[in-house]
Amino acid sequence: MLGVSFLLIIFMGCGVVVFCSTRKHILLALLSLEFMVLALYFAVLMVMMLYGYELYYSLIFLVFTVCEGALGLSILVNLVRNQGNDYLSSMSVLSW
């Protein structure tokens, strides 16, 4: 169990580092968020299997994860259609 928790910490840390270091594309930020959610799902699944809980909660977590991913991709598609790219530098609150 110690090896699995160490792997989860490494995966989550890698996701956080990539998310904080992506300053150019929105797609890379969304992919790193999905990677962190996948690591979190694996942690929830391991805890539920360790303590003998029902695995229906992990299915509900997966449903919300898929909805979050679809929402992020729809925002990305809308942004690309309106602005022509997915650069963070092209988005500005001050531009009219």
PDB file of N, CA and C in Angstrom:
ATOM      1  N   MET A   1       0.823  -1.201   0.000  1.00  0.00           N
ATOM      2  CA  MET A   1       0.000   0.000   0.000  1.00  0.00           C
ATOM      3  C   MET A   1       0.866   1.264   0.000  1.00  0.00           C
ATOM      4  N   LEU A   2       2.042   1.158   0.604  1.00  0.00           N
ATOM      5  CA  LEU A   2       2.931   2.313   0.650  1.00  0.00           C
ATOM      6  C   LEU A   2       3.430   2.678  -0.740  1.00  0.00           C
ATOM      7  N   GLY A   3       3.710   1.669  -1.562  1.00  0.00           N
ATOM      8  CA  GLY A   3       4.157   1.922  -2.933  1.00  0.00           C
ATOM      9  C   GLY A   3       3.078   2.575  -3.775  1.00  0.00           C
ATOM     10  N   VAL A   4       1.828   2.153  -3.572  1.00  0.00           N
ATOM     11  CA  VAL A   4       0.715   2.739  -4.323  1.00  0.00           C
ATOM     12  C   VAL A   4       0.502   4.185  -3.917  1.00  0.00           C
ATOM     13  N   SER A   5       0.583   4.481  -2.634  1.00  0.00           N
ATOM     14  CA  SER A   5       0.402   5.873  -2.191  1.00  0.00           C
ATOM     15  C   SER A   5       1.551   6.751  -2.683  1.00  0.00           C
ATOM     16  N   PHE A   6       2.764   6.190  -2.737  1.00  0.00           N
ATOM     17  CA  PHE A   6       3.890   6.953  -3.270  1.00  0.00           C
ATOM     18  C   PHE A   6       3.680   7.263  -4.751  1.00  0.00           C
ATOM     19  N   LEU A   7       3.178   6.290  -5.511  1.00  0.00           N
ATOM     20  CA  LEU A   7       2.887   6.514  -6.926  1.00  0.00           C
ATOM     21  C   LEU A   7       1.806   7.566  -7.112  1.00  0.00           C
ATOM     22  N   LEU A   8       0.793   7.548  -6.256  1.00  0.00           N
ATOM     23  CA  LEU A   8      -0.273   8.545  -6.358  1.00  0.00           C
ATOM     24  C   LEU A   8       0.250   9.943  -6.075  1.00  0.00           C
ATOM     25  N   ILE A   9       1.139  10.066  -5.112  1.00  0.00           N
ATOM     26  CA  ILE A   9       1.726  11.374  -4.813  1.00  0.00           C
ATOM     27  C   ILE A   9       2.563  11.859  -5.989  1.00  0.00           C
ATOM     28  N   ILE A  10       3.301  10.953  -6.611  1.00  0.00           N
ATOM     29  CA  ILE A  10       4.117  11.316  -7.774  1.00  0.00           C
ATOM     30  C   ILE A  10       3.217  11.749  -8.931  1.00  0.00           C
ATOM     31  N   PHE A  11       2.153  10.982  -9.205  1.00  0.00           N
ATOM     32  CA  PHE A  11       1.246  11.324 -10.308  1.00  0.00           C
ATOM     33  C   PHE A  11       0.567  12.666 -10.068  1.00  0.00           C
ATOM     34  N   MET A  12       0.078  12.877  -8.857  1.00  0.00           N
ATOM     35  CA  MET A  12      -0.600  14.131  -8.556  1.00  0.00           C
ATOM     36  C   MET A  12       0.378  15.297  -8.610  1.00  0.00           C
ATOM     37  N   GLY A  13       1.591  15.089  -8.135  1.00  0.00           N
ATOM     38  CA  GLY A  13       2.604  16.136  -8.196  1.00  0.00           C
ATOM     39  C   GLY A  13       2.969  16.487  -9.626  1.00  0.00           C
ATOM     40  N   CYS A  14       3.094  15.471 -10.472  1.00  0.00           N
ATOM     41  CA  CYS A  14       3.386  15.736 -11.891  1.00  0.00           C
ATOM     42  C   CYS A  14       2.251  16.525 -12.536  1.00  0.00           C
ATOM     43  N   GLY A  15       1.014  16.183 -12.222  1.00  0.00           N
ATOM     44  CA  GLY A  15      -0.126  16.915 -12.771  1.00  0.00           C
ATOM     45  C   GLY A  15      -0.160  18.359 -12.330  1.00  0.00           C
ATOM     46  N   VAL A  16       0.166  18.606 -11.069  1.00  0.00           N
ATOM     47  CA  VAL A  16       0.175  19.975 -10.549  1.00  0.00           C
ATOM     48  C   VAL A  16       1.302  20.780 -11.185  1.00  0.00           C
ATOM     49  N   VAL A  17       2.468  20.162 -11.343  1.00  0.00           N
ATOM     50  CA  VAL A  17       3.600  20.870 -11.957  1.00  0.00           C
ATOM     51  C   VAL A  17       3.291  21.225 -13.403  1.00  0.00           C
ATOM     52  N   VAL A  18       2.719  20.297 -14.154  1.00  0.00           N
ATOM     53  CA  VAL A  18       2.381  20.573 -15.554  1.00  0.00           C
ATOM     54  C   VAL A  18       1.292  21.635 -15.637  1.00  0.00           C
ATOM     55  N   PHE A  19       0.305  21.567 -14.751  1.00  0.00           N
ATOM     56  CA  PHE A  19      -0.769  22.560 -14.777  1.00  0.00           C
ATOM     57  C   PHE A  19      -0.237  23.959 -14.462  1.00  0.00           C
ATOM     58  N   CYS A  20       0.674  24.049 -13.511  1.00  0.00           N
ATOM     59  CA  CYS A  20       1.218  25.359 -13.156  1.00  0.00           C
ATOM     60  C   CYS A  20       2.196  25.888 -14.191  1.00  0.00           C
ATOM     61  N   SER A  21       2.812  24.999 -14.955  1.00  0.00           N
ATOM     62  CA  SER A  21       3.815  25.451 -15.922  1.00  0.00           C
ATOM     63  C   SER A  21       3.248  25.688 -17.316  1.00  0.00           C
ATOM     64  N   THR A  22       1.996  25.301 -17.571  1.00  0.00           N
ATOM     65  CA  THR A  22       1.416  25.564 -18.893  1.00  0.00           C
ATOM     66  C   THR A  22       0.904  26.993 -18.925  1.00  0.00           C
ATOM     67  N   ARG A  23       1.558  27.801 -19.712  1.00  0.00           N
ATOM     68  CA  ARG A  23       1.170  29.200 -19.820  1.00  0.00           C
ATOM     69  C   ARG A  23       0.842  29.581 -21.249  1.00  0.00           C
ATOM     70  N   LYS A  24       0.815  28.591 -22.148  1.00  0.00           N
ATOM     71  CA  LYS A  24       0.609  28.925 -23.539  1.00  0.00           C
ATOM     72  C   LYS A  24      -0.723  28.420 -24.085  1.00  0.00           C
ATOM     73  N   HIS A  25      -1.007  27.134 -23.912  1.00  0.00           N
ATOM     74  CA  HIS A  25      -2.194  26.540 -24.514  1.00  0.00           C
ATOM     75  C   HIS A  25      -3.199  26.114 -23.449  1.00  0.00           C
ATOM     76  N   ILE A  26      -4.455  26.301 -23.761  1.00  0.00           N
ATOM     77  CA  ILE A  26      -5.516  25.875 -22.853  1.00  0.00           C
ATOM     78  C   ILE A  26      -5.686  24.365 -22.900  1.00  0.00           C
ATOM     79  N   LEU A  27      -5.445  23.756 -24.048  1.00  0.00           N
ATOM     80  CA  LEU A  27      -5.584  22.310 -24.180  1.00  0.00           C
ATOM     81  C   LEU A  27      -4.620  21.567 -23.256  1.00  0.00           C
ATOM     82  N   LEU A  28      -3.408  22.054 -23.108  1.00  0.00           N
ATOM     83  CA  LEU A  28      -2.453  21.428 -22.183  1.00  0.00           C
ATOM     84  C   LEU A  28      -2.914  21.554 -20.735  1.00  0.00           C
ATOM     85  N   ALA A  29      -3.524  22.663 -20.402  1.00  0.00           N
ATOM     86  CA  ALA A  29      -4.051  22.831 -19.042  1.00  0.00           C
ATOM     87  C   ALA A  29      -5.200  21.863 -18.788  1.00  0.00           C
ATOM     88  N   LEU A  30      -6.063  21.685 -19.780  1.00  0.00           N
ATOM     89  CA  LEU A  30      -7.173  20.737 -19.622  1.00  0.00           C
ATOM     90  C   LEU A  30      -6.667  19.303 -19.508  1.00  0.00           C
ATOM     91  N   LEU A  31      -5.657  18.949 -20.280  1.00  0.00           N
ATOM     92  CA  LEU A  31      -5.093  17.600 -20.200  1.00  0.00           C
ATOM     93  C   LEU A  31      -4.440  17.341 -18.849  1.00  0.00           C
ATOM     94  N   SER A  32      -3.758  18.319 -18.308  1.00  0.00           N
ATOM     95  CA  SER A  32      -3.148  18.124 -16.994  1.00  0.00           C
ATOM     96  C   SER A  32      -4.211  18.031 -15.896  1.00  0.00           C
ATOM     97  N   LEU A  33      -5.300  18.774 -16.038  1.00  0.00           N
ATOM     98  CA  LEU A  33      -6.400  18.632 -15.076  1.00  0.00           C
ATOM     99  C   LEU A  33      -7.028  17.249 -15.148  1.00  0.00           C
ATOM    100  N   GLU A  34      -7.195  16.713 -16.350  1.00  0.00           N
ATOM    101  CA  GLU A  34      -7.738  15.365 -16.491  1.00  0.00           C
ATOM    102  C   GLU A  34      -6.785  14.324 -15.912  1.00  0.00           C
ATOM    103  N   PHE A  35      -5.481  14.550 -16.049  1.00  0.00           N
ATOM    104  CA  PHE A  35      -4.503  13.632 -15.461  1.00  0.00           C
ATOM    105  C   PHE A  35      -4.610  13.641 -13.937  1.00  0.00           C
ATOM    106  N   MET A  36      -4.789  14.817 -13.348  1.00  0.00           N
ATOM    107  CA  MET A  36      -4.941  14.899 -11.895  1.00  0.00           C
ATOM    108  C   MET A  36      -6.227  14.229 -11.433  1.00  0.00           C
ATOM    109  N   VAL A  37      -7.295  14.385 -12.200  1.00  0.00           N
ATOM    110  CA  VAL A  37      -8.560  13.745 -11.841  1.00  0.00           C
ATOM    111  C   VAL A  37      -8.434  12.231 -11.939  1.00  0.00           C
ATOM    112  N   LEU A  38      -7.696  11.751 -12.929  1.00  0.00           N
ATOM    113  CA  LEU A  38      -7.477  10.312 -13.061  1.00  0.00           C
ATOM    114  C   LEU A  38      -6.681   9.761 -11.880  1.00  0.00           C
ATOM    115  N   ALA A  39      -5.678  10.496 -11.429  1.00  0.00           N
ATOM    116  CA  ALA A  39      -4.915  10.082 -10.247  1.00  0.00           C
ATOM    117  C   ALA A  39      -5.793  10.098  -9.004  1.00  0.00           C
ATOM    118  N   LEU A  40      -6.662  11.088  -8.894  1.00  0.00           N
ATOM    119  CA  LEU A  40      -7.584  11.158  -7.765  1.00  0.00           C
ATOM    120  C   LEU A  40      -8.586  10.013  -7.797  1.00  0.00           C
ATOM    121  N   TYR A  41      -9.056   9.661  -8.998  1.00  0.00           N
ATOM    122  CA  TYR A  41      -9.976   8.526  -9.132  1.00  0.00           C
ATOM    123  C   TYR A  41      -9.293   7.232  -8.696  1.00  0.00           C
ATOM    124  N   PHE A  42      -8.035   7.061  -9.093  1.00  0.00           N
ATOM    125  CA  PHE A  42      -7.305   5.866  -8.688  1.00  0.00           C
ATOM    126  C   PHE A  42      -7.154   5.814  -7.173  1.00  0.00           C
ATOM    127  N   ALA A  43      -6.910   6.956  -6.538  1.00  0.00           N
ATOM    128  CA  ALA A  43      -6.782   7.002  -5.077  1.00  0.00           C
ATOM    129  C   ALA A  43      -8.111   6.658  -4.405  1.00  0.00           C
ATOM    130  N   VAL A  44      -9.206   7.208  -4.922  1.00  0.00           N
ATOM    131  CA  VAL A  44     -10.524   6.915  -4.353  1.00  0.00           C
ATOM    132  C   VAL A  44     -10.853   5.439  -4.515  1.00  0.00           C
ATOM    133  N   LEU A  45     -10.526   4.873  -5.656  1.00  0.00           N
ATOM    134  CA  LEU A  45     -10.791   3.461  -5.911  1.00  0.00           C
ATOM    135  C   LEU A  45      -9.977   2.581  -4.973  1.00  0.00           C
ATOM    136  N   MET A  46      -8.725   2.928  -4.740  1.00  0.00           N
ATOM    137  CA  MET A  46      -7.891   2.132  -3.828  1.00  0.00           C
ATOM    138  C   MET A  46      -8.402   2.202  -2.389  1.00  0.00           C
ATOM    139  N   VAL A  47      -8.830   3.385  -1.964  1.00  0.00           N
ATOM    140  CA  VAL A  47      -9.362   3.518  -0.605  1.00  0.00           C
ATOM    141  C   VAL A  47     -10.650   2.731  -0.455  1.00  0.00           C
ATOM    142  N   MET A  48     -11.503   2.783  -1.450  1.00  0.00           N
ATOM    143  CA  MET A  48     -12.764   2.043  -1.366  1.00  0.00           C
ATOM    144  C   MET A  48     -12.538   0.541  -1.379  1.00  0.00           C
ATOM    145  N   MET A  49     -11.581   0.091  -2.158  1.00  0.00           N
ATOM    146  CA  MET A  49     -11.286  -1.341  -2.174  1.00  0.00           C
ATOM    147  C   MET A  49     -10.606  -1.781  -0.880  1.00  0.00           C
ATOM    148  N   LEU A  50      -9.794  -0.906  -0.286  1.00  0.00           N
ATOM    149  CA  LEU A  50      -9.096  -1.240   0.950  1.00  0.00           C
ATOM    150  C   LEU A  50     -10.064  -1.371   2.120  1.00  0.00           C
ATOM    151  N   TYR A  51     -11.034  -0.459   2.221  1.00  0.00           N
ATOM    152  CA  TYR A  51     -11.963  -0.474   3.344  1.00  0.00           C
ATOM    153  C   TYR A  51     -13.251  -1.223   3.057  1.00  0.00           C
ATOM    154  N   GLY A  52     -13.409  -1.758   1.857  1.00  0.00           N
ATOM    155  CA  GLY A  52     -14.563  -2.588   1.548  1.00  0.00           C
ATOM    156  C   GLY A  52     -15.841  -1.824   1.283  1.00  0.00           C
ATOM    157  N   TYR A  53     -15.747  -0.597   0.832  1.00  0.00           N
ATOM    158  CA  TYR A  53     -16.944   0.171   0.498  1.00  0.00           C
ATOM    159  C   TYR A  53     -17.503  -0.271  -0.843  1.00  0.00           C
ATOM    160  N   GLU A  54     -18.716   0.166  -1.111  1.00  0.00           N
ATOM    161  CA  GLU A  54     -19.316  -0.101  -2.417  1.00  0.00           C
ATOM    162  C   GLU A  54     -18.613   0.723  -3.480  1.00  0.00           C
ATOM    163  N   LEU A  55     -18.502   0.191  -4.656  1.00  0.00           N
ATOM    164  CA  LEU A  55     -17.793   0.873  -5.731  1.00  0.00           C
ATOM    165  C   LEU A  55     -18.717   1.756  -6.573  1.00  0.00           C
ATOM    166  N   TYR A  56     -19.965   1.926  -6.148  1.00  0.00           N
ATOM    167  CA  TYR A  56     -20.884   2.797  -6.878  1.00  0.00           C
ATOM    168  C   TYR A  56     -20.434   4.269  -6.796  1.00  0.00           C
ATOM    169  N   TYR A  57     -19.800   4.626  -5.697  1.00  0.00           N
ATOM    170  CA  TYR A  57     -19.333   6.000  -5.549  1.00  0.00           C
ATOM    171  C   TYR A  57     -18.252   6.339  -6.574  1.00  0.00           C
ATOM    172  N   SER A  58     -17.438   5.352  -6.895  1.00  0.00           N
ATOM    173  CA  SER A  58     -16.423   5.599  -7.921  1.00  0.00           C
ATOM    174  C   SER A  58     -17.070   5.772  -9.291  1.00  0.00           C
ATOM    175  N   LEU A  59     -18.176   5.095  -9.541  1.00  0.00           N
ATOM    176  CA  LEU A  59     -18.905   5.280 -10.795  1.00  0.00           C
ATOM    177  C   LEU A  59     -19.518   6.674 -10.874  1.00  0.00           C
ATOM    178  N   ILE A  60     -20.048   7.166  -9.764  1.00  0.00           N
ATOM    179  CA  ILE A  60     -20.587   8.530  -9.729  1.00  0.00           C
ATOM    180  C   ILE A  60     -19.469   9.545  -9.949  1.00  0.00           C
ATOM    181  N   PHE A  61     -18.298   9.284  -9.365  1.00  0.00           N
ATOM    182  CA  PHE A  61     -17.145  10.160  -9.575  1.00  0.00           C
ATOM    183  C   PHE A  61     -16.750  10.172 -11.045  1.00  0.00           C
ATOM    184  N   LEU A  62     -16.770   9.017 -11.697  1.00  0.00           N
ATOM    185  CA  LEU A  62     -16.442   8.953 -13.123  1.00  0.00           C
ATOM    186  C   LEU A  62     -17.455   9.714 -13.967  1.00  0.00           C
ATOM    187  N   VAL A  63     -18.718   9.656 -13.607  1.00  0.00           N
ATOM    188  CA  VAL A  63     -19.747  10.394 -14.351  1.00  0.00           C
ATOM    189  C   VAL A  63     -19.490  11.891 -14.265  1.00  0.00           C
ATOM    190  N   PHE A  64     -19.189  12.385 -13.070  1.00  0.00           N
ATOM    191  CA  PHE A  64     -18.899  13.807 -12.918  1.00  0.00           C
ATOM    192  C   PHE A  64     -17.608  14.197 -13.636  1.00  0.00           C
ATOM    193  N   THR A  65     -16.636  13.292 -13.662  1.00  0.00           N
ATOM    194  CA  THR A  65     -15.389  13.557 -14.364  1.00  0.00           C
ATOM    195  C   THR A  65     -15.617  13.677 -15.867  1.00  0.00           C
ATOM    196  N   VAL A  66     -16.434  12.801 -16.411  1.00  0.00           N
ATOM    197  CA  VAL A  66     -16.731  12.860 -17.841  1.00  0.00           C
ATOM    198  C   VAL A  66     -17.499  14.136 -18.177  1.00  0.00           C
ATOM    199  N   CYS A  67     -18.429  14.519 -17.319  1.00  0.00           N
ATOM    200  CA  CYS A  67     -19.163  15.773 -17.547  1.00  0.00           C
ATOM    201  C   CYS A  67     -18.225  16.980 -17.490  1.00  0.00           C
ATOM    202  N   GLU A  68     -17.284  16.961 -16.583  1.00  0.00           N
ATOM    203  CA  GLU A  68     -16.311  18.054 -16.482  1.00  0.00           C
ATOM    204  C   GLU A  68     -15.414  18.118 -17.712  1.00  0.00           C
ATOM    205  N   GLY A  69     -15.001  16.957 -18.191  1.00  0.00           N
ATOM    206  CA  GLY A  69     -14.172  16.924 -19.396  1.00  0.00           C
ATOM    207  C   GLY A  69     -14.915  17.391 -20.628  1.00  0.00           C
ATOM    208  N   ALA A  70     -16.177  16.992 -20.756  1.00  0.00           N
ATOM    209  CA  ALA A  70     -16.984  17.428 -21.903  1.00  0.00           C
ATOM    210  C   ALA A  70     -17.234  18.931 -21.853  1.00  0.00           C
ATOM    211  N   LEU A  71     -17.452  19.466 -20.668  1.00  0.00           N
ATOM    212  CA  LEU A  71     -17.649  20.905 -20.534  1.00  0.00           C
ATOM    213  C   LEU A  71     -16.383  21.674 -20.894  1.00  0.00           C
ATOM    214  N   GLY A  72     -15.228  21.186 -20.456  1.00  0.00           N
ATOM    215  CA  GLY A  72     -13.968  21.835 -20.798  1.00  0.00           C
ATOM    216  C   GLY A  72     -13.693  21.794 -22.292  1.00  0.00           C
ATOM    217  N   LEU A  73     -13.966  20.662 -22.927  1.00  0.00           N
ATOM    218  CA  LEU A  73     -13.753  20.567 -24.374  1.00  0.00           C
ATOM    219  C   LEU A  73     -14.725  21.439 -25.151  1.00  0.00           C
ATOM    220  N   SER A  74     -15.952  21.573 -24.679  1.00  0.00           N
ATOM    221  CA  SER A  74     -16.904  22.435 -25.380  1.00  0.00           C
ATOM    222  C   SER A  74     -16.493  23.902 -25.261  1.00  0.00           C
ATOM    223  N   ILE A  75     -15.979  24.293 -24.113  1.00  0.00           N
ATOM    224  CA  ILE A  75     -15.468  25.664 -23.970  1.00  0.00           C
ATOM    225  C   ILE A  75     -14.264  25.879 -24.873  1.00  0.00           C
ATOM    226  N   LEU A  76     -13.401  24.865 -24.979  1.00  0.00           N
ATOM    227  CA  LEU A  76     -12.232  24.968 -25.850  1.00  0.00           C
ATOM    228  C   LEU A  76     -12.637  25.082 -27.323  1.00  0.00           C
ATOM    229  N   VAL A  77     -13.615  24.289 -27.749  1.00  0.00           N
ATOM    230  CA  VAL A  77     -14.083  24.365 -29.142  1.00  0.00           C
ATOM    231  C   VAL A  77     -14.707  25.720 -29.429  1.00  0.00           C
ATOM    232  N   ASN A  78     -15.496  26.230 -28.489  1.00  0.00           N
ATOM    233  CA  ASN A  78     -16.102  27.548 -28.656  1.00  0.00           C
ATOM    234  C   ASN A  78     -15.031  28.632 -28.744  1.00  0.00           C
ATOM    235  N   LEU A  79     -13.992  28.522 -27.945  1.00  0.00           N
ATOM    236  CA  LEU A  79     -12.906  29.496 -27.971  1.00  0.00           C
ATOM    237  C   LEU A  79     -12.153  29.442 -29.293  1.00  0.00           C
ATOM    238  N   VAL A  80     -11.879  28.247 -29.796  1.00  0.00           N
ATOM    239  CA  VAL A  80     -11.155  28.113 -31.062  1.00  0.00           C
ATOM    240  C   VAL A  80     -12.002  28.629 -32.217  1.00  0.00           C
ATOM    241  N   ARG A  81     -13.291  28.385 -32.180  1.00  0.00           N
ATOM    242  CA  ARG A  81     -14.163  28.889 -33.251  1.00  0.00           C
ATOM    243  C   ARG A  81     -14.259  30.402 -33.238  1.00  0.00           C
ATOM    244  N   ASN A  82     -14.260  31.006 -32.064  1.00  0.00           N
ATOM    245  CA  ASN A  82     -14.394  32.457 -31.976  1.00  0.00           C
ATOM    246  C   ASN A  82     -13.083  33.194 -32.212  1.00  0.00           C
ATOM    247  N   GLN A  83     -11.967  32.655 -31.699  1.00  0.00           N
ATOM    248  CA  GLN A  83     -10.705  33.384 -31.766  1.00  0.00           C
ATOM    249  C   GLN A  83      -9.699  32.785 -32.737  1.00  0.00           C
ATOM    250  N   GLY A  84      -9.869  31.539 -33.123  1.00  0.00           N
ATOM    251  CA  GLY A  84      -8.973  30.932 -34.090  1.00  0.00           C
ATOM    252  C   GLY A  84      -7.803  30.195 -33.493  1.00  0.00           C
ATOM    253  N   ASN A  85      -7.582  30.286 -32.200  1.00  0.00           N
ATOM    254  CA  ASN A  85      -6.491  29.551 -31.556  1.00  0.00           C
ATOM    255  C   ASN A  85      -6.861  29.301 -30.100  1.00  0.00           C
ATOM    256  N   ASP A  86      -5.995  28.556 -29.401  1.00  0.00           N
ATOM    257  CA  ASP A  86      -6.253  28.282 -27.993  1.00  0.00           C
ATOM    258  C   ASP A  86      -5.147  28.840 -27.095  1.00  0.00           C
ATOM    259  N   TYR A  87      -4.528  29.918 -27.549  1.00  0.00           N
ATOM    260  CA  TYR A  87      -3.482  30.544 -26.745  1.00  0.00           C
ATOM    261  C   TYR A  87      -4.094  31.330 -25.587  1.00  0.00           C
ATOM    262  N   LEU A  88      -3.447  31.223 -24.440  1.00  0.00           N
ATOM    263  CA  LEU A  88      -3.907  32.005 -23.300  1.00  0.00           C
ATOM    264  C   LEU A  88      -3.616  33.487 -23.493  1.00  0.00           C
ATOM    265  N   SER A  89      -2.596  33.806 -24.299  1.00  0.00           N
ATOM    266  CA  SER A  89      -2.253  35.210 -24.494  1.00  0.00           C
ATOM    267  C   SER A  89      -3.284  35.945 -25.343  1.00  0.00           C
ATOM    268  N   SER A  90      -4.072  35.224 -26.133  1.00  0.00           N
ATOM    269  CA  SER A  90      -5.070  35.894 -26.969  1.00  0.00           C
ATOM    270  C   SER A  90      -6.324  36.263 -26.185  1.00  0.00           C
ATOM    271  N   MET A  91      -6.481  35.698 -25.000  1.00  0.00           N
ATOM    272  CA  MET A  91      -7.625  36.050 -24.166  1.00  0.00           C
ATOM    273  C   MET A  91      -7.257  37.196 -23.261  1.00  0.00           C
ATOM    274  N   SER A  92      -8.026  38.249 -23.315  1.00  0.00           N
ATOM    275  CA  SER A  92      -7.772  39.387 -22.452  1.00  0.00           C
ATOM    276  C   SER A  92      -9.108  39.929 -21.954  1.00  0.00           C
ATOM    277  N   VAL A  93      -9.170  40.223 -20.707  1.00  0.00           N
ATOM    278  CA  VAL A  93     -10.384  40.771 -20.113  1.00  0.00           C
ATOM    279  C   VAL A  93     -10.538  42.224 -20.520  1.00  0.00           C
ATOM    280  N   LEU A  94      -9.436  42.912 -20.772  1.00  0.00           N
ATOM    281  CA  LEU A  94      -9.484  44.341 -21.046  1.00  0.00           C
ATOM    282  C   LEU A  94      -9.782  44.662 -22.501  1.00  0.00           C
ATOM    283  N   SER A  95      -9.714  43.691 -23.400  1.00  0.00           N
ATOM    284  CA  SER A  95      -9.958  43.992 -24.814  1.00  0.00           C
ATOM    285  C   SER A  95     -11.460  44.103 -25.071  1.00  0.00           C
ATOM    286  N   TRP A  96     -11.835  45.121 -25.815  1.00  0.00           N
ATOM    287  CA  TRP A  96     -13.253  45.344 -26.121  1.00  0.00           C
ATOM    288  C   TRP A  96     -13.519  44.926 -27.478  1.00  0.00           C
TER     289      TRP A  96
END
